[in-house]
Amino acid sequence: MKDPPTSDDDLVTRLRAGDEEAFRELIKKFDAPLRRVARTYVSTDAAADEVVQDVWVGVLRGIDRFEQRSSLKTWIYRILLNIARTRGVRDRRSIPFASLGDAGDEGPTFDLDRFQNASGQHPGHWSEFPMRWHDHPEVRAVGHETIAVVRDALSTLPAAQQEVVRLRDLEGWTGAEVCNALDITDTNQRVLLHRGRAKIRAALESYFESAVTA
């Protein structure tokens, strides 16, 4: 029978008391996802390791000042994002989140030519539905390569979109958790997520169309 999950309050109390086992629990739970997010900002795995090491130092130094207004996870990720963004700017892999504006970029999510205009039978609807990828054997044959396509597409997103998509879709965060960690509004979070997902979908669509027509 599994032990019940440790509550934030219990972990914080034990960490403040210098409980090494509590710190090991925290590392076991968050070290791998922290490295995945850190790698978004820096140019090498070694640099991501350094970022995460700095995060754990920051946790130990700051735990007594943690006011528990947010979850322990959110607080740790805020430390990560501050360190990773600074290191990313230094490595010239990214630019500060705040400098990107509310949505990260402007313009429509999809090419407007793909939708019917006012004179169409169904204005605003698709002129032609997107391809049903799974219906094509060529697409199924290269399906194992889609992870690399998604990874490459993700790396080309503006930093703000990349952060939101990574936390929502790869790390499984809720919208509220992302808003708290990134200090953005729910509307902003949804716009960034929608735009980021749309660009990744477009990359996959282009890739699969190439596979079908090759």
N, C-alpha and C. Protein backbone atom coordinates (compact mmCIF):
# COMPACT_ATOMS: atom_id res chain seq x y z
N MET A 1 0.84 -1.20 0.00
CA MET A 1 0.00 0.00 0.00
C MET A 1 0.88 1.24 0.00
N LYS A 2 0.59 2.17 -0.91
CA LYS A 2 1.40 3.37 -1.03
C LYS A 2 1.13 4.31 0.14
N ASP A 3 2.20 5.04 0.52
CA ASP A 3 2.03 6.06 1.54
C ASP A 3 1.24 7.22 0.96
N PRO A 4 0.41 7.91 1.77
CA PRO A 4 -0.32 9.07 1.25
C PRO A 4 0.64 10.17 0.85
N PRO A 5 0.27 11.00 -0.16
CA PRO A 5 1.16 12.06 -0.58
C PRO A 5 1.43 13.06 0.54
N THR A 6 2.65 13.53 0.60
CA THR A 6 3.03 14.49 1.63
C THR A 6 2.46 15.86 1.30
N SER A 7 1.83 16.50 2.28
CA SER A 7 1.24 17.81 2.04
C SER A 7 2.33 18.88 1.99
N ASP A 8 1.98 20.01 1.34
CA ASP A 8 2.91 21.14 1.29
C ASP A 8 3.29 21.59 2.69
N ASP A 9 2.30 21.69 3.57
CA ASP A 9 2.57 22.18 4.93
C ASP A 9 3.58 21.30 5.64
N ASP A 10 3.40 19.98 5.48
CA ASP A 10 4.31 19.05 6.14
C ASP A 10 5.72 19.17 5.56
N LEU A 11 5.80 19.25 4.22
CA LEU A 11 7.11 19.36 3.59
C LEU A 11 7.82 20.65 4.00
N VAL A 12 7.09 21.74 4.00
CA VAL A 12 7.68 23.03 4.37
C VAL A 12 8.19 23.00 5.81
N THR A 13 7.39 22.43 6.70
CA THR A 13 7.80 22.34 8.10
C THR A 13 9.07 21.51 8.24
N ARG A 14 9.11 20.40 7.55
CA ARG A 14 10.29 19.52 7.64
C ARG A 14 11.51 20.16 7.00
N LEU A 15 11.30 20.86 5.87
CA LEU A 15 12.43 21.54 5.23
C LEU A 15 13.00 22.62 6.13
N ARG A 16 12.14 23.36 6.78
CA ARG A 16 12.60 24.42 7.69
C ARG A 16 13.34 23.85 8.90
N ALA A 17 13.02 22.61 9.23
CA ALA A 17 13.69 21.95 10.35
C ALA A 17 14.99 21.28 9.91
N GLY A 18 15.32 21.39 8.62
CA GLY A 18 16.56 20.79 8.12
C GLY A 18 16.46 19.30 7.86
N ASP A 19 15.26 18.80 7.61
CA ASP A 19 15.04 17.38 7.36
C ASP A 19 15.56 17.02 5.97
N GLU A 20 16.65 16.26 5.92
CA GLU A 20 17.26 15.90 4.64
C GLU A 20 16.35 14.98 3.82
N GLU A 21 15.58 14.13 4.47
CA GLU A 21 14.69 13.24 3.75
C GLU A 21 13.60 14.04 3.02
N ALA A 22 13.15 15.12 3.62
CA ALA A 22 12.16 15.99 2.98
C ALA A 22 12.75 16.60 1.71
N PHE A 23 13.99 17.00 1.79
CA PHE A 23 14.65 17.59 0.63
C PHE A 23 14.82 16.55 -0.47
N ARG A 24 15.14 15.30 -0.10
CA ARG A 24 15.26 14.23 -1.09
C ARG A 24 13.91 13.96 -1.75
N GLU A 25 12.83 14.02 -0.98
CA GLU A 25 11.49 13.85 -1.55
C GLU A 25 11.20 14.92 -2.59
N LEU A 26 11.59 16.14 -2.26
CA LEU A 26 11.35 17.27 -3.16
C LEU A 26 12.13 17.10 -4.46
N ILE A 27 13.38 16.68 -4.35
CA ILE A 27 14.22 16.47 -5.53
C ILE A 27 13.65 15.33 -6.39
N LYS A 28 13.24 14.26 -5.76
CA LYS A 28 12.68 13.13 -6.50
C LYS A 28 11.43 13.54 -7.28
N LYS A 29 10.65 14.41 -6.69
CA LYS A 29 9.39 14.83 -7.30
C LYS A 29 9.58 15.84 -8.42
N PHE A 30 10.52 16.79 -8.25
CA PHE A 30 10.59 17.92 -9.17
C PHE A 30 11.85 18.03 -10.01
N ASP A 31 12.89 17.27 -9.69
CA ASP A 31 14.17 17.49 -10.37
C ASP A 31 14.07 17.29 -11.88
N ALA A 32 13.47 16.18 -12.32
CA ALA A 32 13.38 15.89 -13.75
C ALA A 32 12.54 16.92 -14.51
N PRO A 33 11.32 17.25 -14.05
CA PRO A 33 10.57 18.28 -14.78
C PRO A 33 11.24 19.65 -14.76
N LEU A 34 11.92 19.99 -13.68
CA LEU A 34 12.65 21.26 -13.64
C LEU A 34 13.72 21.29 -14.72
N ARG A 35 14.41 20.18 -14.91
CA ARG A 35 15.45 20.12 -15.94
C ARG A 35 14.86 20.26 -17.33
N ARG A 36 13.70 19.66 -17.55
CA ARG A 36 13.06 19.77 -18.86
C ARG A 36 12.71 21.22 -19.17
N VAL A 37 12.16 21.92 -18.20
CA VAL A 37 11.80 23.32 -18.41
C VAL A 37 13.05 24.18 -18.55
N ALA A 38 14.04 23.94 -17.72
CA ALA A 38 15.28 24.72 -17.79
C ALA A 38 15.94 24.59 -19.15
N ARG A 39 15.86 23.39 -19.73
CA ARG A 39 16.52 23.16 -21.02
C ARG A 39 15.91 24.00 -22.14
N THR A 40 14.68 24.49 -21.92
CA THR A 40 14.06 25.37 -22.89
C THR A 40 14.84 26.67 -23.06
N TYR A 41 15.49 27.10 -22.01
CA TYR A 41 16.11 28.43 -21.99
C TYR A 41 17.60 28.43 -22.31
N VAL A 42 18.26 27.32 -22.07
CA VAL A 42 19.72 27.31 -22.18
C VAL A 42 20.17 26.39 -23.29
N SER A 43 21.43 26.54 -23.66
CA SER A 43 21.92 25.90 -24.88
C SER A 43 22.44 24.48 -24.71
N THR A 44 22.67 24.05 -23.46
CA THR A 44 23.22 22.71 -23.26
C THR A 44 22.56 22.03 -22.06
N ASP A 45 22.67 20.71 -22.03
CA ASP A 45 22.17 19.97 -20.87
C ASP A 45 22.95 20.35 -19.61
N ALA A 46 24.24 20.59 -19.77
CA ALA A 46 25.06 20.97 -18.62
C ALA A 46 24.59 22.30 -18.02
N ALA A 47 24.23 23.23 -18.89
CA ALA A 47 23.72 24.52 -18.41
C ALA A 47 22.40 24.34 -17.67
N ALA A 48 21.54 23.44 -18.19
CA ALA A 48 20.27 23.15 -17.51
C ALA A 48 20.53 22.55 -16.14
N ASP A 49 21.53 21.67 -16.03
CA ASP A 49 21.89 21.10 -14.74
C ASP A 49 22.30 22.20 -13.76
N GLU A 50 23.07 23.16 -14.25
CA GLU A 50 23.52 24.26 -13.39
C GLU A 50 22.34 25.11 -12.92
N VAL A 51 21.40 25.35 -13.83
CA VAL A 51 20.21 26.12 -13.46
C VAL A 51 19.45 25.42 -12.34
N VAL A 52 19.23 24.12 -12.49
CA VAL A 52 18.47 23.37 -11.49
C VAL A 52 19.22 23.31 -10.16
N GLN A 53 20.53 23.18 -10.21
CA GLN A 53 21.32 23.22 -8.98
C GLN A 53 21.13 24.55 -8.26
N ASP A 54 21.11 25.63 -9.03
CA ASP A 54 20.88 26.95 -8.44
C ASP A 54 19.47 27.06 -7.86
N VAL A 55 18.52 26.39 -8.50
CA VAL A 55 17.15 26.38 -7.98
C VAL A 55 17.12 25.74 -6.60
N TRP A 56 17.76 24.59 -6.46
CA TRP A 56 17.73 23.90 -5.17
C TRP A 56 18.45 24.70 -4.09
N VAL A 57 19.50 25.38 -4.47
CA VAL A 57 20.15 26.27 -3.51
C VAL A 57 19.19 27.39 -3.10
N GLY A 58 18.48 27.93 -4.09
CA GLY A 58 17.50 28.98 -3.80
C GLY A 58 16.38 28.50 -2.90
N VAL A 59 15.95 27.25 -3.10
CA VAL A 59 14.90 26.68 -2.24
C VAL A 59 15.39 26.59 -0.80
N LEU A 60 16.58 26.07 -0.60
CA LEU A 60 17.11 25.92 0.75
C LEU A 60 17.30 27.26 1.43
N ARG A 61 17.77 28.23 0.67
CA ARG A 61 18.02 29.55 1.25
C ARG A 61 16.73 30.33 1.51
N GLY A 62 15.71 30.05 0.70
CA GLY A 62 14.50 30.86 0.79
C GLY A 62 13.34 30.22 1.51
N ILE A 63 13.47 28.96 1.93
CA ILE A 63 12.31 28.25 2.49
C ILE A 63 11.77 28.93 3.74
N ASP A 64 12.63 29.55 4.53
CA ASP A 64 12.15 30.24 5.74
C ASP A 64 11.33 31.48 5.41
N ARG A 65 11.54 32.02 4.21
CA ARG A 65 10.80 33.23 3.80
C ARG A 65 9.57 32.89 2.95
N PHE A 66 9.39 31.63 2.62
CA PHE A 66 8.25 31.20 1.81
C PHE A 66 6.96 31.40 2.62
N GLU A 67 6.08 32.27 2.13
CA GLU A 67 4.89 32.65 2.87
C GLU A 67 3.69 31.74 2.59
N GLN A 68 3.85 30.79 1.67
CA GLN A 68 2.81 29.81 1.34
C GLN A 68 1.53 30.46 0.81
N ARG A 69 1.68 31.59 0.12
CA ARG A 69 0.54 32.19 -0.56
C ARG A 69 0.21 31.44 -1.85
N SER A 70 1.17 30.69 -2.35
CA SER A 70 0.98 29.82 -3.49
C SER A 70 1.43 28.43 -3.09
N SER A 71 1.24 27.45 -3.99
CA SER A 71 1.69 26.10 -3.68
C SER A 71 3.21 26.04 -3.69
N LEU A 72 3.75 25.02 -3.04
CA LEU A 72 5.19 24.84 -3.01
C LEU A 72 5.73 24.65 -4.43
N LYS A 73 4.99 23.92 -5.24
CA LYS A 73 5.41 23.70 -6.63
C LYS A 73 5.51 25.01 -7.39
N THR A 74 4.49 25.85 -7.26
CA THR A 74 4.50 27.13 -7.96
C THR A 74 5.68 27.98 -7.52
N TRP A 75 5.93 28.00 -6.23
CA TRP A 75 7.05 28.79 -5.69
C TRP A 75 8.38 28.30 -6.26
N ILE A 76 8.57 26.99 -6.31
CA ILE A 76 9.81 26.42 -6.84
C ILE A 76 9.97 26.78 -8.32
N TYR A 77 8.89 26.67 -9.07
CA TYR A 77 8.97 26.99 -10.50
C TYR A 77 9.21 28.47 -10.74
N ARG A 78 8.72 29.32 -9.87
CA ARG A 78 9.04 30.74 -10.01
C ARG A 78 10.53 30.99 -9.84
N ILE A 79 11.12 30.29 -8.89
CA ILE A 79 12.57 30.39 -8.72
C ILE A 79 13.28 29.91 -9.99
N LEU A 80 12.82 28.77 -10.51
CA LEU A 80 13.41 28.23 -11.74
C LEU A 80 13.31 29.23 -12.88
N LEU A 81 12.13 29.78 -13.11
CA LEU A 81 11.92 30.66 -14.25
C LEU A 81 12.78 31.92 -14.15
N ASN A 82 12.92 32.46 -12.95
CA ASN A 82 13.77 33.64 -12.78
C ASN A 82 15.22 33.33 -13.12
N ILE A 83 15.70 32.19 -12.63
CA ILE A 83 17.10 31.81 -12.89
C ILE A 83 17.29 31.44 -14.36
N ALA A 84 16.35 30.64 -14.89
CA ALA A 84 16.50 30.16 -16.27
C ALA A 84 16.40 31.30 -17.27
N ARG A 85 15.51 32.25 -17.05
CA ARG A 85 15.39 33.37 -17.97
C ARG A 85 16.68 34.20 -17.98
N THR A 86 17.21 34.45 -16.79
CA THR A 86 18.46 35.22 -16.71
C THR A 86 19.59 34.48 -17.43
N ARG A 87 19.70 33.19 -17.18
CA ARG A 87 20.74 32.40 -17.83
C ARG A 87 20.49 32.31 -19.33
N GLY A 88 19.21 32.21 -19.73
CA GLY A 88 18.89 32.13 -21.14
C GLY A 88 19.26 33.39 -21.89
N VAL A 89 19.02 34.55 -21.28
CA VAL A 89 19.41 35.81 -21.91
C VAL A 89 20.93 35.84 -22.08
N ARG A 90 21.63 35.39 -21.05
CA ARG A 90 23.09 35.37 -21.12
C ARG A 90 23.58 34.44 -22.22
N ASP A 91 22.88 33.32 -22.39
CA ASP A 91 23.23 32.37 -23.44
C ASP A 91 22.66 32.76 -24.80
N ARG A 92 21.87 33.85 -24.80
CA ARG A 92 21.24 34.35 -26.04
C ARG A 92 20.32 33.32 -26.66
N ARG A 93 19.67 32.54 -25.79
CA ARG A 93 18.69 31.58 -26.28
C ARG A 93 17.27 32.15 -26.21
N SER A 94 17.06 33.17 -25.35
CA SER A 94 15.72 33.70 -25.17
C SER A 94 15.80 35.15 -24.75
N ILE A 95 14.63 35.80 -24.65
CA ILE A 95 14.56 37.17 -24.18
C ILE A 95 13.57 37.22 -23.04
N PRO A 96 13.61 38.25 -22.19
CA PRO A 96 12.72 38.29 -21.04
C PRO A 96 11.25 38.15 -21.43
N PHE A 97 10.52 37.40 -20.62
CA PHE A 97 9.10 37.16 -20.89
C PHE A 97 8.35 38.47 -21.03
N ALA A 98 8.60 39.42 -20.14
CA ALA A 98 7.84 40.66 -20.13
C ALA A 98 8.02 41.47 -21.41
N SER A 99 9.13 41.30 -22.09
CA SER A 99 9.38 42.10 -23.29
C SER A 99 8.59 41.62 -24.49
N LEU A 100 7.89 40.48 -24.34
CA LEU A 100 7.17 39.91 -25.48
C LEU A 100 5.74 40.41 -25.60
N GLY A 101 5.27 41.18 -24.64
CA GLY A 101 3.90 41.66 -24.71
C GLY A 101 2.94 40.59 -24.25
N ASP A 102 1.64 40.90 -24.33
CA ASP A 102 0.63 40.00 -23.78
C ASP A 102 0.53 38.68 -24.51
N ALA A 103 0.61 38.71 -25.83
CA ALA A 103 0.35 37.49 -26.59
C ALA A 103 1.59 36.90 -27.22
N GLY A 104 2.71 37.59 -27.16
CA GLY A 104 3.93 37.04 -27.74
C GLY A 104 4.11 37.39 -29.18
N ASP A 105 3.04 37.60 -29.93
CA ASP A 105 3.12 38.06 -31.31
C ASP A 105 1.73 38.54 -31.72
N GLU A 106 1.62 39.05 -32.91
CA GLU A 106 0.36 39.58 -33.39
C GLU A 106 -0.08 38.83 -34.63
N GLY A 107 -1.29 39.16 -35.11
CA GLY A 107 -1.78 38.54 -36.33
C GLY A 107 -2.66 37.35 -36.05
N PRO A 108 -3.36 36.85 -37.07
CA PRO A 108 -4.27 35.72 -36.90
C PRO A 108 -3.54 34.42 -36.60
N THR A 109 -4.22 33.53 -35.88
CA THR A 109 -3.63 32.23 -35.56
C THR A 109 -3.48 31.37 -36.79
N PHE A 110 -4.50 31.37 -37.66
CA PHE A 110 -4.46 30.61 -38.90
C PHE A 110 -4.55 31.56 -40.08
N ASP A 111 -4.08 31.11 -41.24
CA ASP A 111 -4.20 31.87 -42.47
C ASP A 111 -5.69 32.07 -42.76
N LEU A 112 -6.09 33.34 -42.92
CA LEU A 112 -7.52 33.63 -43.13
C LEU A 112 -8.04 33.06 -44.45
N ASP A 113 -7.16 32.76 -45.40
CA ASP A 113 -7.59 32.17 -46.67
C ASP A 113 -8.18 30.77 -46.48
N ARG A 114 -7.93 30.18 -45.32
CA ARG A 114 -8.44 28.84 -45.08
C ARG A 114 -9.90 28.85 -44.61
N PHE A 115 -10.47 30.04 -44.44
CA PHE A 115 -11.84 30.16 -43.98
C PHE A 115 -12.71 30.83 -45.04
N GLN A 116 -13.99 30.52 -45.05
CA GLN A 116 -14.92 31.13 -45.99
C GLN A 116 -15.17 32.59 -45.63
N ASN A 117 -15.19 33.44 -46.65
CA ASN A 117 -15.46 34.85 -46.41
C ASN A 117 -16.97 35.09 -46.35
N ALA A 118 -17.33 36.37 -46.33
CA ALA A 118 -18.75 36.73 -46.16
C ALA A 118 -19.63 36.20 -47.28
N SER A 119 -19.05 35.95 -48.46
CA SER A 119 -19.86 35.47 -49.59
C SER A 119 -19.97 33.95 -49.63
N GLY A 120 -19.30 33.27 -48.73
CA GLY A 120 -19.34 31.81 -48.72
C GLY A 120 -20.64 31.27 -48.15
N GLN A 121 -20.83 29.97 -48.31
CA GLN A 121 -22.05 29.34 -47.82
C GLN A 121 -22.12 29.36 -46.29
N HIS A 122 -20.93 29.22 -45.67
CA HIS A 122 -20.85 29.24 -44.21
C HIS A 122 -19.71 30.17 -43.80
N PRO A 123 -19.94 31.50 -43.82
CA PRO A 123 -18.89 32.47 -43.51
C PRO A 123 -18.21 32.18 -42.17
N GLY A 124 -16.87 32.25 -42.20
CA GLY A 124 -16.11 32.01 -40.98
C GLY A 124 -15.76 30.57 -40.74
N HIS A 125 -16.36 29.64 -41.49
CA HIS A 125 -16.05 28.22 -41.33
C HIS A 125 -14.91 27.84 -42.29
N TRP A 126 -14.35 26.64 -42.07
CA TRP A 126 -13.25 26.17 -42.91
C TRP A 126 -13.69 26.13 -44.38
N SER A 127 -12.81 26.60 -45.28
CA SER A 127 -13.04 26.40 -46.70
C SER A 127 -12.81 24.94 -47.06
N GLU A 128 -11.83 24.36 -46.42
CA GLU A 128 -11.51 22.94 -46.60
C GLU A 128 -11.00 22.43 -45.27
N PHE A 129 -11.57 21.36 -44.78
CA PHE A 129 -11.19 20.86 -43.47
C PHE A 129 -9.72 20.41 -43.47
N PRO A 130 -9.02 20.59 -42.34
CA PRO A 130 -7.65 20.10 -42.24
C PRO A 130 -7.59 18.60 -42.52
N MET A 131 -6.46 18.17 -43.00
CA MET A 131 -6.28 16.77 -43.37
C MET A 131 -6.46 15.84 -42.16
N ARG A 132 -7.14 14.72 -42.39
CA ARG A 132 -7.27 13.69 -41.37
C ARG A 132 -6.00 12.82 -41.44
N TRP A 133 -5.00 13.22 -40.66
CA TRP A 133 -3.69 12.61 -40.76
C TRP A 133 -3.72 11.10 -40.60
N HIS A 134 -4.49 10.62 -39.62
CA HIS A 134 -4.44 9.19 -39.32
C HIS A 134 -5.05 8.33 -40.41
N ASP A 135 -5.71 8.93 -41.42
CA ASP A 135 -6.29 8.15 -42.51
C ASP A 135 -5.25 7.74 -43.55
N HIS A 136 -4.06 8.31 -43.47
CA HIS A 136 -3.05 8.07 -44.50
C HIS A 136 -1.97 7.12 -43.99
N PRO A 137 -1.72 6.02 -44.72
CA PRO A 137 -0.67 5.10 -44.28
C PRO A 137 0.70 5.74 -44.26
N GLU A 138 0.92 6.73 -45.14
CA GLU A 138 2.22 7.41 -45.17
C GLU A 138 2.46 8.15 -43.86
N VAL A 139 1.40 8.73 -43.32
CA VAL A 139 1.52 9.45 -42.06
C VAL A 139 1.76 8.48 -40.91
N ARG A 140 1.03 7.36 -40.92
CA ARG A 140 1.24 6.37 -39.86
C ARG A 140 2.67 5.83 -39.90
N ALA A 141 3.23 5.73 -41.09
CA ALA A 141 4.58 5.19 -41.23
C ALA A 141 5.63 6.08 -40.60
N VAL A 142 5.39 7.41 -40.60
CA VAL A 142 6.38 8.33 -40.04
C VAL A 142 5.93 8.86 -38.68
N GLY A 143 4.91 8.22 -38.11
CA GLY A 143 4.37 8.69 -36.84
C GLY A 143 5.40 8.78 -35.74
N HIS A 144 6.37 7.86 -35.76
CA HIS A 144 7.39 7.87 -34.71
C HIS A 144 8.27 9.10 -34.78
N GLU A 145 8.24 9.81 -35.91
CA GLU A 145 9.08 10.99 -36.07
C GLU A 145 8.39 12.27 -35.58
N THR A 146 7.12 12.15 -35.22
CA THR A 146 6.37 13.36 -34.88
C THR A 146 6.86 14.02 -33.61
N ILE A 147 7.41 13.24 -32.69
CA ILE A 147 7.92 13.83 -31.45
C ILE A 147 9.01 14.84 -31.77
N ALA A 148 9.89 14.50 -32.69
CA ALA A 148 10.96 15.42 -33.08
C ALA A 148 10.39 16.67 -33.74
N VAL A 149 9.34 16.49 -34.55
CA VAL A 149 8.69 17.63 -35.20
C VAL A 149 8.09 18.56 -34.16
N VAL A 150 7.39 17.98 -33.19
CA VAL A 150 6.80 18.79 -32.12
C VAL A 150 7.88 19.51 -31.32
N ARG A 151 8.95 18.79 -31.01
CA ARG A 151 10.04 19.40 -30.23
C ARG A 151 10.66 20.57 -30.99
N ASP A 152 10.88 20.39 -32.28
CA ASP A 152 11.46 21.46 -33.08
C ASP A 152 10.51 22.65 -33.18
N ALA A 153 9.22 22.36 -33.37
CA ALA A 153 8.23 23.44 -33.47
C ALA A 153 8.13 24.20 -32.16
N LEU A 154 8.18 23.47 -31.06
CA LEU A 154 8.11 24.10 -29.75
C LEU A 154 9.29 25.05 -29.53
N SER A 155 10.46 24.63 -30.00
CA SER A 155 11.66 25.45 -29.78
C SER A 155 11.64 26.75 -30.58
N THR A 156 10.79 26.83 -31.61
CA THR A 156 10.74 28.04 -32.43
C THR A 156 9.68 29.03 -31.93
N LEU A 157 8.87 28.64 -30.96
CA LEU A 157 7.83 29.54 -30.45
C LEU A 157 8.45 30.69 -29.69
N PRO A 158 7.79 31.85 -29.68
CA PRO A 158 8.22 32.92 -28.78
C PRO A 158 8.26 32.40 -27.35
N ALA A 159 9.16 32.95 -26.54
CA ALA A 159 9.38 32.41 -25.20
C ALA A 159 8.10 32.33 -24.38
N ALA A 160 7.23 33.33 -24.48
CA ALA A 160 6.00 33.33 -23.69
C ALA A 160 5.11 32.16 -24.07
N GLN A 161 4.93 31.93 -25.37
CA GLN A 161 4.12 30.81 -25.83
C GLN A 161 4.76 29.49 -25.43
N GLN A 162 6.06 29.41 -25.56
CA GLN A 162 6.77 28.18 -25.26
C GLN A 162 6.62 27.81 -23.79
N GLU A 163 6.70 28.81 -22.92
CA GLU A 163 6.55 28.54 -21.50
C GLU A 163 5.16 27.97 -21.20
N VAL A 164 4.14 28.61 -21.74
CA VAL A 164 2.78 28.19 -21.44
C VAL A 164 2.49 26.81 -22.02
N VAL A 165 2.86 26.59 -23.28
CA VAL A 165 2.62 25.28 -23.91
C VAL A 165 3.36 24.18 -23.18
N ARG A 166 4.60 24.45 -22.83
CA ARG A 166 5.40 23.42 -22.14
C ARG A 166 4.77 23.07 -20.79
N LEU A 167 4.40 24.08 -20.02
CA LEU A 167 3.84 23.81 -18.70
C LEU A 167 2.47 23.14 -18.79
N ARG A 168 1.63 23.58 -19.73
CA ARG A 168 0.29 23.01 -19.86
C ARG A 168 0.32 21.62 -20.48
N ASP A 169 1.00 21.48 -21.62
CA ASP A 169 0.87 20.25 -22.40
C ASP A 169 1.93 19.21 -22.10
N LEU A 170 3.10 19.62 -21.67
CA LEU A 170 4.16 18.66 -21.38
C LEU A 170 4.27 18.34 -19.89
N GLU A 171 4.04 19.34 -19.05
CA GLU A 171 4.17 19.12 -17.61
C GLU A 171 2.82 18.89 -16.94
N GLY A 172 1.71 19.11 -17.69
CA GLY A 172 0.40 18.79 -17.15
C GLY A 172 -0.16 19.77 -16.15
N TRP A 173 0.30 21.02 -16.20
CA TRP A 173 -0.19 22.03 -15.27
C TRP A 173 -1.60 22.47 -15.65
N THR A 174 -2.35 22.95 -14.67
CA THR A 174 -3.64 23.56 -14.93
C THR A 174 -3.42 25.02 -15.37
N GLY A 175 -4.47 25.61 -15.96
CA GLY A 175 -4.37 27.01 -16.35
C GLY A 175 -4.09 27.90 -15.15
N ALA A 176 -4.73 27.61 -14.03
CA ALA A 176 -4.53 28.42 -12.82
C ALA A 176 -3.10 28.35 -12.33
N GLU A 177 -2.50 27.15 -12.37
CA GLU A 177 -1.11 27.00 -11.93
C GLU A 177 -0.17 27.81 -12.82
N VAL A 178 -0.41 27.77 -14.13
CA VAL A 178 0.43 28.53 -15.05
C VAL A 178 0.30 30.03 -14.80
N CYS A 179 -0.92 30.49 -14.59
CA CYS A 179 -1.14 31.91 -14.31
C CYS A 179 -0.39 32.34 -13.06
N ASN A 180 -0.43 31.51 -12.02
CA ASN A 180 0.24 31.84 -10.77
C ASN A 180 1.75 31.84 -10.93
N ALA A 181 2.27 30.85 -11.65
CA ALA A 181 3.72 30.74 -11.80
C ALA A 181 4.29 31.86 -12.67
N LEU A 182 3.58 32.20 -13.75
CA LEU A 182 4.07 33.19 -14.70
C LEU A 182 3.55 34.60 -14.41
N ASP A 183 2.64 34.70 -13.44
CA ASP A 183 2.05 35.98 -13.07
C ASP A 183 1.38 36.65 -14.27
N ILE A 184 0.51 35.90 -14.93
CA ILE A 184 -0.23 36.42 -16.07
C ILE A 184 -1.72 36.17 -15.85
N THR A 185 -2.55 36.85 -16.62
CA THR A 185 -4.00 36.68 -16.50
C THR A 185 -4.43 35.40 -17.19
N ASP A 186 -5.62 34.93 -16.84
CA ASP A 186 -6.15 33.73 -17.48
C ASP A 186 -6.36 33.96 -18.97
N THR A 187 -6.82 35.15 -19.33
CA THR A 187 -7.01 35.45 -20.76
C THR A 187 -5.69 35.37 -21.51
N ASN A 188 -4.65 35.96 -20.94
CA ASN A 188 -3.33 35.93 -21.56
C ASN A 188 -2.84 34.49 -21.70
N GLN A 189 -3.02 33.72 -20.65
CA GLN A 189 -2.59 32.31 -20.67
C GLN A 189 -3.29 31.55 -21.77
N ARG A 190 -4.59 31.77 -21.95
CA ARG A 190 -5.34 31.04 -22.97
C ARG A 190 -4.94 31.47 -24.38
N VAL A 191 -4.66 32.76 -24.56
CA VAL A 191 -4.23 33.24 -25.88
C VAL A 191 -2.87 32.64 -26.23
N LEU A 192 -1.95 32.67 -25.29
CA LEU A 192 -0.61 32.12 -25.53
C LEU A 192 -0.68 30.62 -25.83
N LEU A 193 -1.50 29.91 -25.07
CA LEU A 193 -1.64 28.47 -25.28
C LEU A 193 -2.23 28.19 -26.65
N HIS A 194 -3.28 28.92 -27.01
CA HIS A 194 -3.94 28.71 -28.30
C HIS A 194 -2.98 28.99 -29.46
N ARG A 195 -2.25 30.09 -29.38
CA ARG A 195 -1.33 30.44 -30.47
C ARG A 195 -0.19 29.43 -30.56
N GLY A 196 0.33 29.03 -29.42
CA GLY A 196 1.41 28.06 -29.44
C GLY A 196 0.98 26.72 -30.00
N ARG A 197 -0.18 26.24 -29.56
CA ARG A 197 -0.69 24.97 -30.07
C ARG A 197 -0.96 25.05 -31.57
N ALA A 198 -1.49 26.19 -32.02
CA ALA A 198 -1.81 26.34 -33.43
C ALA A 198 -0.54 26.26 -34.29
N LYS A 199 0.54 26.85 -33.81
CA LYS A 199 1.79 26.82 -34.58
C LYS A 199 2.39 25.41 -34.61
N ILE A 200 2.28 24.70 -33.51
CA ILE A 200 2.77 23.33 -33.50
C ILE A 200 1.91 22.46 -34.42
N ARG A 201 0.61 22.68 -34.39
CA ARG A 201 -0.27 21.94 -35.28
C ARG A 201 0.07 22.24 -36.74
N ALA A 202 0.35 23.50 -37.05
CA ALA A 202 0.70 23.87 -38.42
C ALA A 202 1.98 23.17 -38.86
N ALA A 203 2.94 23.07 -37.95
CA ALA A 203 4.20 22.38 -38.28
C ALA A 203 3.94 20.90 -38.56
N LEU A 204 3.08 20.28 -37.74
CA LEU A 204 2.74 18.88 -37.96
C LEU A 204 1.97 18.70 -39.27
N GLU A 205 1.06 19.61 -39.55
CA GLU A 205 0.28 19.55 -40.77
C GLU A 205 1.18 19.61 -42.00
N SER A 206 2.13 20.55 -41.96
CA SER A 206 3.08 20.68 -43.07
C SER A 206 3.92 19.42 -43.23
N TYR A 207 4.35 18.88 -42.13
CA TYR A 207 5.19 17.67 -42.16
C TYR A 207 4.42 16.48 -42.73
N PHE A 208 3.17 16.31 -42.28
CA PHE A 208 2.38 15.18 -42.74
C PHE A 208 1.97 15.34 -44.20
N GLU A 209 1.68 16.57 -44.62
CA GLU A 209 1.35 16.80 -46.02
C GLU A 209 2.52 16.42 -46.91
N SER A 210 3.74 16.75 -46.44
CA SER A 210 4.94 16.38 -47.19
C SER A 210 5.08 14.87 -47.29
N ALA A 211 4.72 14.18 -46.19
CA ALA A 211 4.81 12.73 -46.19
C ALA A 211 3.82 12.10 -47.18
N VAL A 212 2.64 12.70 -47.26
CA VAL A 212 1.60 12.15 -48.13
C VAL A 212 1.94 12.39 -49.60
N THR A 213 2.50 13.55 -49.92
CA THR A 213 2.76 13.91 -51.31
C THR A 213 4.13 13.44 -51.80
N ALA A 214 4.96 12.93 -50.89
CA ALA A 214 6.31 12.52 -51.28
C ALA A 214 6.27 11.31 -52.23
